[in-house]
Amino acid sequence: MNLQQLRQTFLNLRMRWPQTWPGFEKVVDSALQQLGHTSDQALTPRFQAMHACIQDVAQKVEAFGNQQARLGKEPDYHNRLHISDTVVALTTLLLQQRAVDHRSARDPLSGPEWQMLLAICGHDLHHNGGFNRFTSDLEAQSLAALKPVMKHHGVWEQDQAAVGHFILQTDPSLVKAMHLQVRSAPFDLKDLSCQTVLIQEADILASALPQIGEDLTLKLSQEWAKLDTQKSQSLLSVPARVYFLREMALFSSPASQRLGIQKLVDQHMAALLKSA
């Protein structure tokens, strides 16, 4: 999937949201299929535990979001659509990384890929539509909701630790330091820091794109308006958008470079600065 196809997939999701929404479980099933998983595929006990946990988390995300929507409380930004965006983005990045690493798109998922998919499915589990009051505040709450689910399915301790690390690092304020950390060494998905960068890129990818990203900024502003009007309005200025693109919307992995995301972000930022 190239960048144009990824953008179209994001748009297709929006055409279905929320009236004809297919369900988050279907988004996850599609991701697994694209990454080479089939229903009759034999998995090791370790991978089976993560697979079962992913399916359970997908159901919980959909059920919770559906319940909140019926109550008129589903967040404007941190909702099932956003989590679906991140799953689609991560799937695309992993397929690009496979191409970089000369692996087939149909290869079975590796351990790091299972870890990352589980993390991205659960990274905003039970998000309340608020904002962080300290580093990784809401991320820690999502992780707390995910931990008993991982334990229930027997996810191995090493995988739980990796997933927890990824989720806590999705706090946007931590993105720049992680990208700087991986730039000085070869990119290897066996390395926890490199995996973390892909998770961060997937989390922010849709928000970094022109038009789609600007609409998502508006949705985030609407979400925050329920708690802090001034903070909500601060998101909507051109300087705020430029700051986000320059400091948080970073794409340094070989996968994102292959897609040309950073080039598009730089062009978008230049256009905003010119219009200001």
Foldseek 3Di string as FASTA:
>chain_A
DFPVVLVVVLVVCVVPPPVNHPAQLVLLVVLQVQQQDDPPDDDDLQLVLLVVLLNVLSVQLRVVLVVCVVVVQAALQLHSSLLSQLSSQLSLLVCLVCVVVVHDSNDHDDPLRSLLNSLSSQLQRPPRLEADPDQLPNSVVSLVVSVVSSVVSVNDPVSNVLSSVLSSCLRLVNQQVLLVVPVVDDQDSVDSSNSSNSSNLSSCVQLLAPPSVLVSLLSSLVSHCVPDNVVSVVSNDLVNSLCCLVRRNDDDDSSVVVSVRNVRSVVVSVVSVVVD
